[in-house]
N, C-alpha and C. Protein backbone atom coordinates (compact mmCIF):
# COMPACT_ATOMS: atom_id res chain seq x y z
N MET A 1 -1.54 -18.45 15.40
CA MET A 1 -1.23 -18.55 13.98
C MET A 1 -0.57 -17.25 13.51
N SER A 2 0.56 -17.35 12.81
CA SER A 2 1.25 -16.17 12.32
C SER A 2 0.47 -15.55 11.16
N ALA A 3 0.77 -14.28 10.87
CA ALA A 3 0.11 -13.61 9.76
C ALA A 3 0.42 -14.31 8.44
N VAL A 4 1.66 -14.78 8.27
CA VAL A 4 2.01 -15.48 7.03
C VAL A 4 1.19 -16.76 6.90
N ALA A 5 1.01 -17.47 8.01
CA ALA A 5 0.19 -18.69 7.98
C ALA A 5 -1.26 -18.37 7.63
N VAL A 6 -1.75 -17.22 8.12
CA VAL A 6 -3.11 -16.80 7.78
C VAL A 6 -3.21 -16.54 6.28
N PHE A 7 -2.22 -15.84 5.70
CA PHE A 7 -2.21 -15.59 4.26
C PHE A 7 -2.15 -16.90 3.49
N ASP A 8 -1.28 -17.82 3.91
CA ASP A 8 -1.18 -19.11 3.23
C ASP A 8 -2.52 -19.84 3.23
N ALA A 9 -3.15 -19.92 4.40
CA ALA A 9 -4.41 -20.64 4.51
C ALA A 9 -5.50 -19.97 3.67
N ALA A 10 -5.54 -18.65 3.70
CA ALA A 10 -6.56 -17.93 2.93
C ALA A 10 -6.36 -18.10 1.43
N ILE A 11 -5.13 -18.06 0.98
CA ILE A 11 -4.86 -18.22 -0.45
C ILE A 11 -5.21 -19.64 -0.90
N ASN A 12 -4.87 -20.62 -0.08
CA ASN A 12 -5.22 -22.01 -0.43
C ASN A 12 -6.74 -22.18 -0.51
N ARG A 13 -7.47 -21.57 0.41
CA ARG A 13 -8.93 -21.66 0.38
C ARG A 13 -9.47 -20.97 -0.86
N ALA A 14 -8.96 -19.78 -1.15
CA ALA A 14 -9.44 -19.04 -2.31
C ALA A 14 -9.18 -19.79 -3.60
N ALA A 15 -7.99 -20.41 -3.70
CA ALA A 15 -7.65 -21.16 -4.91
C ALA A 15 -8.57 -22.35 -5.10
N ALA A 16 -9.14 -22.85 -4.00
CA ALA A 16 -10.08 -23.98 -4.07
C ALA A 16 -11.52 -23.51 -4.25
N GLY A 17 -11.70 -22.19 -4.41
CA GLY A 17 -13.03 -21.66 -4.63
C GLY A 17 -13.83 -21.46 -3.36
N ILE A 18 -13.16 -21.46 -2.21
CA ILE A 18 -13.83 -21.27 -0.92
C ILE A 18 -13.65 -19.82 -0.48
N PRO A 19 -14.71 -19.12 -0.08
CA PRO A 19 -14.57 -17.74 0.39
C PRO A 19 -13.51 -17.63 1.49
N ALA A 20 -12.64 -16.63 1.38
CA ALA A 20 -11.49 -16.57 2.29
C ALA A 20 -11.13 -15.14 2.69
N THR A 21 -12.10 -14.24 2.66
CA THR A 21 -11.81 -12.86 3.02
C THR A 21 -11.44 -12.76 4.50
N PHE A 22 -10.58 -11.78 4.82
CA PHE A 22 -10.27 -11.50 6.21
C PHE A 22 -9.95 -10.01 6.34
N THR A 23 -9.87 -9.53 7.56
CA THR A 23 -9.66 -8.10 7.80
C THR A 23 -8.42 -7.87 8.66
N ALA A 24 -7.88 -6.67 8.52
CA ALA A 24 -6.81 -6.20 9.41
C ALA A 24 -7.28 -4.91 10.05
N ARG A 25 -7.25 -4.86 11.37
CA ARG A 25 -7.74 -3.70 12.11
C ARG A 25 -6.59 -3.06 12.88
N HIS A 26 -6.44 -1.74 12.68
CA HIS A 26 -5.40 -0.99 13.37
C HIS A 26 -6.00 -0.34 14.62
N ALA A 27 -5.16 -0.16 15.63
CA ALA A 27 -5.65 0.40 16.89
C ALA A 27 -6.23 1.80 16.71
N GLY A 28 -5.78 2.52 15.66
CA GLY A 28 -6.29 3.86 15.42
C GLY A 28 -7.65 3.89 14.75
N GLY A 29 -8.19 2.73 14.45
CA GLY A 29 -9.52 2.65 13.87
C GLY A 29 -9.54 2.25 12.40
N GLY A 30 -8.39 2.21 11.75
CA GLY A 30 -8.34 1.81 10.35
C GLY A 30 -8.66 0.34 10.16
N VAL A 31 -9.37 0.05 9.08
CA VAL A 31 -9.73 -1.33 8.77
C VAL A 31 -9.46 -1.58 7.28
N LEU A 32 -8.79 -2.69 6.98
CA LEU A 32 -8.58 -3.11 5.60
C LEU A 32 -9.18 -4.49 5.41
N ARG A 33 -9.82 -4.69 4.29
CA ARG A 33 -10.40 -6.00 3.95
C ARG A 33 -9.55 -6.63 2.86
N PHE A 34 -9.09 -7.84 3.09
CA PHE A 34 -8.30 -8.58 2.12
C PHE A 34 -9.18 -9.64 1.47
N ASP A 35 -9.06 -9.75 0.15
CA ASP A 35 -9.88 -10.71 -0.60
C ASP A 35 -8.98 -11.59 -1.46
N PRO A 36 -8.45 -12.68 -0.92
CA PRO A 36 -7.60 -13.57 -1.72
C PRO A 36 -8.29 -14.13 -2.95
N GLY A 37 -9.61 -14.20 -2.93
CA GLY A 37 -10.33 -14.66 -4.11
C GLY A 37 -10.08 -13.76 -5.30
N ALA A 38 -9.99 -12.45 -5.07
CA ALA A 38 -9.69 -11.51 -6.15
C ALA A 38 -8.26 -11.71 -6.64
N TRP A 39 -7.33 -11.94 -5.71
CA TRP A 39 -5.93 -12.14 -6.10
C TRP A 39 -5.78 -13.36 -7.01
N CYS A 40 -6.64 -14.34 -6.83
CA CYS A 40 -6.53 -15.59 -7.60
C CYS A 40 -7.17 -15.49 -8.99
N GLN A 41 -7.84 -14.40 -9.28
CA GLN A 41 -8.43 -14.24 -10.61
C GLN A 41 -7.34 -14.01 -11.65
N ASP A 42 -7.70 -14.17 -12.90
CA ASP A 42 -6.75 -13.94 -13.99
C ASP A 42 -6.54 -12.46 -14.26
N VAL A 43 -7.57 -11.66 -14.00
CA VAL A 43 -7.46 -10.22 -14.26
C VAL A 43 -8.47 -9.49 -13.39
N LEU A 44 -8.13 -8.30 -12.96
CA LEU A 44 -9.05 -7.42 -12.26
C LEU A 44 -9.20 -6.13 -13.07
N ALA A 45 -10.36 -5.53 -13.01
CA ALA A 45 -10.56 -4.24 -13.68
C ALA A 45 -9.53 -3.24 -13.15
N GLY A 46 -8.88 -2.56 -14.05
CA GLY A 46 -7.84 -1.61 -13.67
C GLY A 46 -6.44 -2.14 -13.85
N ASP A 47 -6.30 -3.47 -14.03
CA ASP A 47 -4.97 -4.05 -14.21
C ASP A 47 -4.29 -3.58 -15.50
N ALA A 48 -5.08 -3.42 -16.57
CA ALA A 48 -4.48 -3.20 -17.89
C ALA A 48 -3.62 -1.94 -17.92
N ALA A 49 -4.15 -0.84 -17.38
CA ALA A 49 -3.39 0.41 -17.40
C ALA A 49 -2.13 0.31 -16.55
N LEU A 50 -2.21 -0.46 -15.48
CA LEU A 50 -1.04 -0.67 -14.62
C LEU A 50 0.02 -1.48 -15.37
N LEU A 51 -0.39 -2.55 -16.00
CA LEU A 51 0.55 -3.41 -16.72
C LEU A 51 1.14 -2.72 -17.94
N ASP A 52 0.35 -1.87 -18.59
CA ASP A 52 0.84 -1.17 -19.78
C ASP A 52 2.04 -0.29 -19.46
N ARG A 53 2.15 0.14 -18.21
CA ARG A 53 3.26 1.00 -17.82
C ARG A 53 4.55 0.22 -17.58
N CYS A 54 4.46 -1.09 -17.53
CA CYS A 54 5.64 -1.94 -17.28
C CYS A 54 6.24 -2.35 -18.62
N THR A 55 7.11 -1.52 -19.13
CA THR A 55 7.66 -1.69 -20.48
C THR A 55 9.00 -2.42 -20.50
N GLY A 56 9.50 -2.81 -19.34
CA GLY A 56 10.77 -3.52 -19.25
C GLY A 56 10.75 -4.48 -18.09
N PRO A 57 11.91 -5.01 -17.70
CA PRO A 57 11.97 -5.98 -16.60
C PRO A 57 11.28 -5.44 -15.34
N THR A 58 10.40 -6.26 -14.78
CA THR A 58 9.52 -5.80 -13.69
C THR A 58 9.61 -6.74 -12.50
N LEU A 59 9.74 -6.16 -11.31
CA LEU A 59 9.68 -6.90 -10.05
C LEU A 59 8.33 -6.64 -9.41
N ASP A 60 7.56 -7.69 -9.20
CA ASP A 60 6.24 -7.60 -8.59
C ASP A 60 6.38 -7.95 -7.11
N VAL A 61 6.35 -6.92 -6.26
CA VAL A 61 6.58 -7.09 -4.83
C VAL A 61 5.27 -7.48 -4.15
N GLY A 62 5.27 -8.63 -3.46
CA GLY A 62 4.04 -9.15 -2.89
C GLY A 62 3.14 -9.66 -3.99
N CYS A 63 3.70 -10.53 -4.84
CA CYS A 63 3.02 -10.95 -6.08
C CYS A 63 1.78 -11.78 -5.84
N GLY A 64 1.61 -12.34 -4.63
CA GLY A 64 0.45 -13.19 -4.39
C GLY A 64 0.44 -14.37 -5.34
N PRO A 65 -0.73 -14.80 -5.80
CA PRO A 65 -0.81 -15.96 -6.71
C PRO A 65 -0.36 -15.67 -8.13
N GLY A 66 0.23 -14.49 -8.37
CA GLY A 66 0.90 -14.25 -9.64
C GLY A 66 0.03 -13.68 -10.75
N ARG A 67 -1.07 -13.02 -10.38
CA ARG A 67 -1.95 -12.47 -11.41
C ARG A 67 -1.20 -11.51 -12.33
N LEU A 68 -0.47 -10.57 -11.76
CA LEU A 68 0.23 -9.56 -12.55
C LEU A 68 1.53 -10.09 -13.13
N THR A 69 2.29 -10.83 -12.33
CA THR A 69 3.53 -11.41 -12.83
C THR A 69 3.24 -12.34 -14.01
N GLY A 70 2.20 -13.15 -13.86
CA GLY A 70 1.84 -14.07 -14.93
C GLY A 70 1.40 -13.35 -16.19
N ALA A 71 0.66 -12.24 -16.02
CA ALA A 71 0.21 -11.48 -17.19
C ALA A 71 1.39 -10.87 -17.93
N LEU A 72 2.37 -10.36 -17.19
CA LEU A 72 3.56 -9.79 -17.82
C LEU A 72 4.34 -10.87 -18.56
N THR A 73 4.53 -12.00 -17.90
CA THR A 73 5.27 -13.10 -18.53
C THR A 73 4.55 -13.59 -19.79
N GLY A 74 3.23 -13.69 -19.69
CA GLY A 74 2.45 -14.17 -20.83
C GLY A 74 2.50 -13.25 -22.03
N SER A 75 2.78 -11.96 -21.78
CA SER A 75 2.87 -11.00 -22.87
C SER A 75 4.31 -10.81 -23.36
N GLY A 76 5.21 -11.65 -22.84
CA GLY A 76 6.59 -11.61 -23.31
C GLY A 76 7.48 -10.62 -22.60
N ARG A 77 7.00 -10.03 -21.48
CA ARG A 77 7.82 -9.09 -20.73
C ARG A 77 8.47 -9.80 -19.54
N PRO A 78 9.78 -9.63 -19.33
CA PRO A 78 10.44 -10.31 -18.22
C PRO A 78 9.93 -9.79 -16.88
N ALA A 79 9.59 -10.71 -15.99
CA ALA A 79 9.04 -10.32 -14.69
C ALA A 79 9.41 -11.36 -13.65
N LEU A 80 9.57 -10.89 -12.42
CA LEU A 80 9.82 -11.76 -11.27
C LEU A 80 8.87 -11.34 -10.17
N GLY A 81 8.21 -12.32 -9.57
CA GLY A 81 7.36 -12.06 -8.42
C GLY A 81 8.04 -12.54 -7.15
N ILE A 82 7.87 -11.79 -6.06
CA ILE A 82 8.36 -12.24 -4.76
C ILE A 82 7.21 -12.12 -3.75
N ASP A 83 7.16 -13.07 -2.83
CA ASP A 83 6.12 -13.07 -1.81
C ASP A 83 6.60 -13.92 -0.64
N VAL A 84 6.17 -13.56 0.57
CA VAL A 84 6.56 -14.35 1.75
C VAL A 84 5.71 -15.60 1.89
N SER A 85 4.60 -15.67 1.16
CA SER A 85 3.68 -16.80 1.28
C SER A 85 4.08 -17.93 0.35
N ALA A 86 4.34 -19.10 0.91
CA ALA A 86 4.68 -20.27 0.10
C ALA A 86 3.52 -20.67 -0.81
N ALA A 87 2.29 -20.56 -0.30
CA ALA A 87 1.12 -20.91 -1.12
C ALA A 87 1.00 -19.97 -2.31
N ALA A 88 1.25 -18.68 -2.09
CA ALA A 88 1.17 -17.71 -3.18
C ALA A 88 2.21 -18.01 -4.25
N VAL A 89 3.43 -18.30 -3.83
CA VAL A 89 4.50 -18.58 -4.78
C VAL A 89 4.19 -19.84 -5.58
N ARG A 90 3.67 -20.85 -4.92
CA ARG A 90 3.31 -22.09 -5.62
C ARG A 90 2.27 -21.81 -6.70
N LEU A 91 1.25 -21.03 -6.37
CA LEU A 91 0.20 -20.73 -7.34
C LEU A 91 0.72 -19.84 -8.47
N ALA A 92 1.60 -18.90 -8.13
CA ALA A 92 2.19 -18.05 -9.17
C ALA A 92 2.97 -18.90 -10.18
N ARG A 93 3.74 -19.83 -9.67
CA ARG A 93 4.51 -20.70 -10.56
C ARG A 93 3.60 -21.57 -11.42
N SER A 94 2.45 -21.95 -10.86
CA SER A 94 1.53 -22.78 -11.65
C SER A 94 0.93 -22.01 -12.82
N ARG A 95 0.99 -20.68 -12.77
CA ARG A 95 0.55 -19.84 -13.88
C ARG A 95 1.65 -19.67 -14.93
N GLY A 96 2.82 -20.19 -14.65
CA GLY A 96 3.95 -19.99 -15.54
C GLY A 96 4.80 -18.80 -15.19
N ALA A 97 4.52 -18.16 -14.05
CA ALA A 97 5.31 -17.01 -13.61
C ALA A 97 6.58 -17.47 -12.92
N VAL A 98 7.60 -16.65 -12.98
CA VAL A 98 8.81 -16.87 -12.19
C VAL A 98 8.61 -16.17 -10.86
N ALA A 99 8.68 -16.92 -9.76
CA ALA A 99 8.39 -16.35 -8.44
C ALA A 99 9.29 -16.98 -7.39
N LEU A 100 9.66 -16.17 -6.41
CA LEU A 100 10.50 -16.61 -5.31
C LEU A 100 9.80 -16.33 -3.98
N GLN A 101 9.96 -17.25 -3.02
CA GLN A 101 9.48 -16.97 -1.68
C GLN A 101 10.54 -16.11 -1.01
N ARG A 102 10.25 -14.83 -0.90
CA ARG A 102 11.27 -13.88 -0.47
C ARG A 102 10.61 -12.65 0.15
N ASP A 103 11.16 -12.18 1.24
CA ASP A 103 10.77 -10.90 1.83
C ASP A 103 11.46 -9.80 1.05
N VAL A 104 10.75 -8.71 0.75
CA VAL A 104 11.34 -7.63 -0.03
C VAL A 104 12.55 -7.01 0.65
N PHE A 105 12.66 -7.15 1.97
CA PHE A 105 13.79 -6.57 2.70
C PHE A 105 15.00 -7.51 2.75
N ASP A 106 14.82 -8.72 2.25
CA ASP A 106 15.94 -9.65 2.13
C ASP A 106 16.63 -9.44 0.79
N PRO A 107 17.79 -10.10 0.56
CA PRO A 107 18.44 -9.97 -0.75
C PRO A 107 17.49 -10.37 -1.88
N VAL A 108 17.45 -9.55 -2.93
CA VAL A 108 16.56 -9.76 -4.07
C VAL A 108 17.38 -9.69 -5.35
N PRO A 109 17.21 -10.64 -6.26
CA PRO A 109 17.94 -10.58 -7.53
C PRO A 109 17.69 -9.26 -8.26
N GLY A 110 18.73 -8.75 -8.90
CA GLY A 110 18.59 -7.56 -9.72
C GLY A 110 18.54 -6.25 -8.95
N THR A 111 18.91 -6.28 -7.67
CA THR A 111 18.87 -5.06 -6.87
C THR A 111 19.64 -3.93 -7.55
N GLY A 112 18.98 -2.79 -7.67
CA GLY A 112 19.59 -1.62 -8.28
C GLY A 112 19.50 -1.59 -9.79
N ARG A 113 18.80 -2.59 -10.39
CA ARG A 113 18.75 -2.64 -11.85
C ARG A 113 17.33 -2.78 -12.41
N TRP A 114 16.32 -2.90 -11.57
CA TRP A 114 14.97 -3.13 -12.08
C TRP A 114 14.44 -1.89 -12.79
N ARG A 115 13.82 -2.11 -13.95
CA ARG A 115 13.24 -1.00 -14.72
C ARG A 115 11.90 -0.60 -14.13
N HIS A 116 11.15 -1.58 -13.63
CA HIS A 116 9.84 -1.31 -13.05
C HIS A 116 9.65 -2.14 -11.78
N LEU A 117 8.95 -1.56 -10.81
CA LEU A 117 8.51 -2.27 -9.62
C LEU A 117 7.00 -2.09 -9.50
N LEU A 118 6.33 -3.14 -9.03
CA LEU A 118 4.90 -3.07 -8.75
C LEU A 118 4.65 -3.24 -7.26
N LEU A 119 3.83 -2.36 -6.70
CA LEU A 119 3.27 -2.52 -5.36
C LEU A 119 1.75 -2.41 -5.53
N ALA A 120 1.13 -3.48 -5.97
CA ALA A 120 -0.31 -3.46 -6.27
C ALA A 120 -1.09 -4.07 -5.11
N ASP A 121 -2.42 -3.99 -5.23
CA ASP A 121 -3.31 -4.66 -4.27
C ASP A 121 -3.04 -4.26 -2.82
N GLY A 122 -2.67 -3.00 -2.61
CA GLY A 122 -2.45 -2.52 -1.24
C GLY A 122 -1.10 -2.86 -0.65
N ASN A 123 -0.17 -3.36 -1.47
CA ASN A 123 1.13 -3.79 -0.93
C ASN A 123 2.04 -2.67 -0.48
N ILE A 124 1.62 -1.41 -0.66
CA ILE A 124 2.32 -0.29 -0.02
C ILE A 124 2.32 -0.48 1.49
N GLY A 125 1.43 -1.34 1.99
CA GLY A 125 1.34 -1.59 3.43
C GLY A 125 2.37 -2.55 3.97
N ILE A 126 3.09 -3.27 3.11
CA ILE A 126 4.02 -4.31 3.56
C ILE A 126 5.03 -3.75 4.57
N GLY A 127 5.12 -4.41 5.71
CA GLY A 127 6.10 -4.05 6.73
C GLY A 127 5.63 -3.02 7.72
N GLY A 128 4.50 -2.36 7.45
CA GLY A 128 3.96 -1.42 8.42
C GLY A 128 4.68 -0.08 8.49
N ASP A 129 5.55 0.20 7.52
CA ASP A 129 6.33 1.45 7.53
C ASP A 129 6.55 1.88 6.08
N PRO A 130 5.63 2.68 5.51
CA PRO A 130 5.73 3.03 4.09
C PRO A 130 7.04 3.71 3.72
N ARG A 131 7.60 4.51 4.59
CA ARG A 131 8.86 5.19 4.27
C ARG A 131 9.99 4.17 4.10
N ARG A 132 10.04 3.22 5.01
CA ARG A 132 11.07 2.18 4.90
C ARG A 132 10.87 1.35 3.63
N LEU A 133 9.62 1.00 3.32
CA LEU A 133 9.35 0.21 2.13
C LEU A 133 9.72 0.98 0.87
N LEU A 134 9.38 2.25 0.81
CA LEU A 134 9.70 3.04 -0.37
C LEU A 134 11.21 3.24 -0.52
N ARG A 135 11.91 3.37 0.60
CA ARG A 135 13.38 3.43 0.52
C ARG A 135 13.94 2.14 -0.05
N ARG A 136 13.38 1.02 0.36
CA ARG A 136 13.83 -0.27 -0.18
C ARG A 136 13.52 -0.37 -1.67
N CYS A 137 12.36 0.11 -2.08
CA CYS A 137 12.03 0.10 -3.51
C CYS A 137 13.01 0.97 -4.30
N HIS A 138 13.40 2.09 -3.72
CA HIS A 138 14.40 2.95 -4.37
C HIS A 138 15.70 2.17 -4.58
N GLU A 139 16.10 1.40 -3.57
CA GLU A 139 17.33 0.59 -3.70
C GLU A 139 17.21 -0.44 -4.82
N LEU A 140 16.02 -0.99 -5.00
CA LEU A 140 15.82 -2.05 -5.99
C LEU A 140 15.77 -1.51 -7.41
N LEU A 141 15.32 -0.27 -7.58
CA LEU A 141 15.16 0.32 -8.90
C LEU A 141 16.49 0.71 -9.53
N GLY A 142 16.53 0.66 -10.86
CA GLY A 142 17.63 1.27 -11.59
C GLY A 142 17.50 2.78 -11.54
N PRO A 143 18.52 3.52 -11.99
CA PRO A 143 18.53 4.99 -11.90
C PRO A 143 17.33 5.66 -12.55
N ALA A 144 16.83 5.11 -13.64
CA ALA A 144 15.67 5.69 -14.33
C ALA A 144 14.44 4.81 -14.16
N GLY A 145 14.41 4.00 -13.12
CA GLY A 145 13.32 3.06 -12.92
C GLY A 145 12.02 3.73 -12.53
N ARG A 146 10.96 2.96 -12.58
CA ARG A 146 9.62 3.44 -12.25
C ARG A 146 8.98 2.49 -11.24
N LEU A 147 8.41 3.07 -10.21
CA LEU A 147 7.66 2.32 -9.20
C LEU A 147 6.19 2.66 -9.37
N HIS A 148 5.38 1.63 -9.59
CA HIS A 148 3.94 1.80 -9.80
C HIS A 148 3.22 1.26 -8.56
N VAL A 149 2.50 2.13 -7.88
CA VAL A 149 1.94 1.83 -6.56
C VAL A 149 0.43 1.96 -6.59
N GLU A 150 -0.26 0.99 -5.99
CA GLU A 150 -1.70 1.13 -5.78
C GLU A 150 -1.94 1.67 -4.38
N LEU A 151 -2.84 2.64 -4.27
CA LEU A 151 -3.05 3.37 -3.02
C LEU A 151 -4.53 3.40 -2.65
N ALA A 152 -4.79 3.84 -1.44
CA ALA A 152 -6.18 4.01 -1.01
C ALA A 152 -6.75 5.28 -1.64
N PRO A 153 -8.06 5.38 -1.76
CA PRO A 153 -8.68 6.57 -2.36
C PRO A 153 -8.34 7.84 -1.57
N PRO A 154 -8.38 8.99 -2.24
CA PRO A 154 -8.11 10.24 -1.52
C PRO A 154 -9.10 10.44 -0.38
N GLY A 155 -8.60 11.02 0.71
CA GLY A 155 -9.45 11.25 1.87
C GLY A 155 -9.48 10.10 2.86
N THR A 156 -8.92 8.94 2.47
CA THR A 156 -8.84 7.81 3.40
C THR A 156 -7.83 8.12 4.50
N PRO A 157 -8.16 7.90 5.77
CA PRO A 157 -7.17 8.15 6.83
C PRO A 157 -5.96 7.23 6.68
N ALA A 158 -4.78 7.82 6.78
CA ALA A 158 -3.55 7.04 6.73
C ALA A 158 -3.26 6.42 8.09
N TRP A 159 -2.69 5.22 8.08
CA TRP A 159 -2.23 4.62 9.32
C TRP A 159 -1.09 3.66 9.03
N ALA A 160 -0.30 3.39 10.06
CA ALA A 160 0.83 2.47 9.91
C ALA A 160 1.16 1.87 11.27
N GLY A 161 1.70 0.66 11.24
CA GLY A 161 2.09 0.00 12.48
C GLY A 161 1.56 -1.42 12.53
N ILE A 162 1.21 -1.87 13.70
CA ILE A 162 0.74 -3.25 13.89
C ILE A 162 -0.78 -3.28 13.85
N ALA A 163 -1.29 -4.05 12.92
CA ALA A 163 -2.73 -4.29 12.84
C ALA A 163 -3.00 -5.71 13.33
N THR A 164 -4.26 -6.01 13.57
CA THR A 164 -4.66 -7.35 14.00
C THR A 164 -5.47 -8.00 12.89
N VAL A 165 -4.96 -9.12 12.38
CA VAL A 165 -5.68 -9.88 11.36
C VAL A 165 -6.76 -10.71 12.04
N GLN A 166 -7.96 -10.62 11.51
CA GLN A 166 -9.08 -11.38 12.04
C GLN A 166 -9.71 -12.20 10.92
N THR A 167 -9.80 -13.50 11.12
CA THR A 167 -10.34 -14.40 10.10
C THR A 167 -11.69 -14.95 10.54
N SER A 168 -12.40 -15.53 9.58
CA SER A 168 -13.70 -16.12 9.89
C SER A 168 -13.56 -17.31 10.82
N ALA A 169 -12.35 -17.89 10.85
CA ALA A 169 -12.11 -19.03 11.74
C ALA A 169 -11.80 -18.59 13.17
N GLY A 170 -11.74 -17.29 13.38
CA GLY A 170 -11.52 -16.77 14.73
C GLY A 170 -10.07 -16.56 15.10
N HIS A 171 -9.16 -16.68 14.14
CA HIS A 171 -7.75 -16.48 14.43
C HIS A 171 -7.42 -14.99 14.44
N ASP A 172 -6.71 -14.52 15.46
CA ASP A 172 -6.22 -13.16 15.55
C ASP A 172 -4.70 -13.18 15.53
N SER A 173 -4.10 -12.43 14.61
CA SER A 173 -2.65 -12.43 14.47
C SER A 173 -2.16 -11.01 14.23
N PRO A 174 -0.98 -10.64 14.78
CA PRO A 174 -0.44 -9.30 14.52
C PRO A 174 0.14 -9.23 13.12
N LEU A 175 -0.07 -8.12 12.45
CA LEU A 175 0.43 -7.92 11.10
C LEU A 175 0.96 -6.50 10.95
N PRO A 176 2.28 -6.34 10.69
CA PRO A 176 2.79 -4.99 10.40
C PRO A 176 2.28 -4.55 9.03
N TRP A 177 1.46 -3.51 9.01
CA TRP A 177 0.84 -3.08 7.75
C TRP A 177 0.59 -1.58 7.78
N ALA A 178 0.20 -1.04 6.66
CA ALA A 178 -0.07 0.39 6.56
C ALA A 178 -1.11 0.65 5.50
N CYS A 179 -1.72 1.80 5.59
CA CYS A 179 -2.67 2.28 4.58
C CYS A 179 -2.22 3.68 4.18
N VAL A 180 -1.99 3.88 2.88
CA VAL A 180 -1.54 5.17 2.37
C VAL A 180 -2.51 5.65 1.29
N PRO A 181 -3.19 6.77 1.50
CA PRO A 181 -4.08 7.29 0.46
C PRO A 181 -3.27 8.01 -0.62
N VAL A 182 -3.85 8.13 -1.79
CA VAL A 182 -3.14 8.76 -2.90
C VAL A 182 -2.76 10.20 -2.58
N ASP A 183 -3.57 10.89 -1.78
CA ASP A 183 -3.25 12.27 -1.42
C ASP A 183 -2.34 12.36 -0.19
N GLY A 184 -1.87 11.21 0.30
CA GLY A 184 -0.92 11.21 1.40
C GLY A 184 0.42 10.61 1.02
N LEU A 185 0.67 10.48 -0.29
CA LEU A 185 1.88 9.81 -0.77
C LEU A 185 3.10 10.72 -0.78
N ALA A 186 2.92 12.02 -0.93
CA ALA A 186 4.04 12.93 -1.15
C ALA A 186 5.09 12.85 -0.04
N ALA A 187 4.67 12.84 1.21
CA ALA A 187 5.64 12.86 2.31
C ALA A 187 6.48 11.59 2.38
N PRO A 188 5.88 10.38 2.39
CA PRO A 188 6.72 9.19 2.42
C PRO A 188 7.57 9.04 1.16
N ALA A 189 7.07 9.49 0.01
CA ALA A 189 7.87 9.43 -1.22
C ALA A 189 9.09 10.32 -1.10
N SER A 190 8.90 11.54 -0.62
CA SER A 190 10.02 12.47 -0.46
C SER A 190 11.04 11.94 0.51
N ALA A 191 10.58 11.30 1.59
CA ALA A 191 11.50 10.74 2.58
C ALA A 191 12.34 9.61 2.01
N ALA A 192 11.85 8.98 0.95
CA ALA A 192 12.57 7.89 0.28
C ALA A 192 13.33 8.37 -0.95
N ALA A 193 13.42 9.70 -1.13
CA ALA A 193 14.10 10.30 -2.29
C ALA A 193 13.47 9.85 -3.60
N LEU A 194 12.14 9.77 -3.59
CA LEU A 194 11.37 9.47 -4.79
C LEU A 194 10.47 10.66 -5.10
N ARG A 195 10.18 10.86 -6.37
CA ARG A 195 9.23 11.90 -6.74
C ARG A 195 8.06 11.27 -7.49
N VAL A 196 6.90 11.85 -7.30
CA VAL A 196 5.68 11.34 -7.92
C VAL A 196 5.58 11.92 -9.32
N LEU A 197 5.58 11.04 -10.32
CA LEU A 197 5.46 11.47 -11.71
C LEU A 197 4.02 11.73 -12.12
N GLY A 198 3.11 10.99 -11.51
CA GLY A 198 1.71 11.16 -11.86
C GLY A 198 0.84 10.17 -11.12
N THR A 199 -0.44 10.44 -11.12
CA THR A 199 -1.42 9.55 -10.50
C THR A 199 -2.55 9.30 -11.49
N TRP A 200 -3.27 8.21 -11.29
CA TRP A 200 -4.45 7.94 -12.12
C TRP A 200 -5.40 7.04 -11.35
N THR A 201 -6.61 6.99 -11.85
CA THR A 201 -7.62 6.13 -11.24
C THR A 201 -8.36 5.37 -12.33
N GLU A 202 -8.70 4.15 -12.04
CA GLU A 202 -9.45 3.32 -12.99
C GLU A 202 -10.19 2.25 -12.22
N ALA A 203 -11.45 2.05 -12.59
CA ALA A 203 -12.28 0.99 -12.00
C ALA A 203 -12.33 1.10 -10.47
N GLY A 204 -12.34 2.33 -9.97
CA GLY A 204 -12.42 2.53 -8.54
C GLY A 204 -11.11 2.32 -7.80
N ARG A 205 -10.04 2.09 -8.54
CA ARG A 205 -8.71 1.90 -7.94
C ARG A 205 -7.86 3.15 -8.20
N TRP A 206 -6.89 3.40 -7.30
CA TRP A 206 -6.04 4.58 -7.38
C TRP A 206 -4.58 4.16 -7.45
N PHE A 207 -3.82 4.84 -8.31
CA PHE A 207 -2.44 4.46 -8.56
C PHE A 207 -1.55 5.70 -8.67
N ALA A 208 -0.25 5.47 -8.51
CA ALA A 208 0.75 6.51 -8.75
C ALA A 208 2.01 5.88 -9.31
N THR A 209 2.75 6.65 -10.07
CA THR A 209 4.06 6.25 -10.56
C THR A 209 5.11 7.18 -9.96
N LEU A 210 6.18 6.58 -9.43
CA LEU A 210 7.26 7.33 -8.81
C LEU A 210 8.59 6.95 -9.46
N THR A 211 9.57 7.82 -9.32
CA THR A 211 10.91 7.56 -9.87
C THR A 211 11.94 8.16 -8.91
N PRO A 212 13.17 7.65 -8.91
CA PRO A 212 14.20 8.26 -8.06
C PRO A 212 14.43 9.71 -8.43
N ARG A 213 14.68 10.52 -7.42
CA ARG A 213 14.96 11.95 -7.65
C ARG A 213 16.40 12.12 -8.16
């Protein structure tokens, strides 16, 4: 089973109210726990301060079931969600969000013009190469755009590359992913010609805002 199929199945289970957590384990010892049930909620603690920073057109990268994209749309702010998971896009649209089944590295509407980008819920890990992902986000942003990123807590070991997804059903699948702590953001940001404007924490979550240099 591919990693995308694992995400699809987990999101469908979570949307039906069935526990669907799974883990990704990196060979270096890093472990991440994914909880699609949380993604399917209407709001998570810490979302408000993140959304308040999105004052213009926003691209939600790895939008999942559309929690953030839907909240922005519901408040009258233009937003587009993209995700590789067909199940996630279907659920996002059911919330009234505009969403496309799209890889962030493929052509994306509005490239070079987005006022805000979101990489929430650990999506800094997408692709297994934070520097490449941040460079792509730089390409998507307008000249004065803002990238709002959710990160691991300070002191968390950073890792990147191929992890193994393990589900309760016993499926093991390779997943290119990464973990970036808030105190390890400076180097990949600099490599992508982005500068960190500030960081904050709320409800046990850690965030940063970046802009093109």
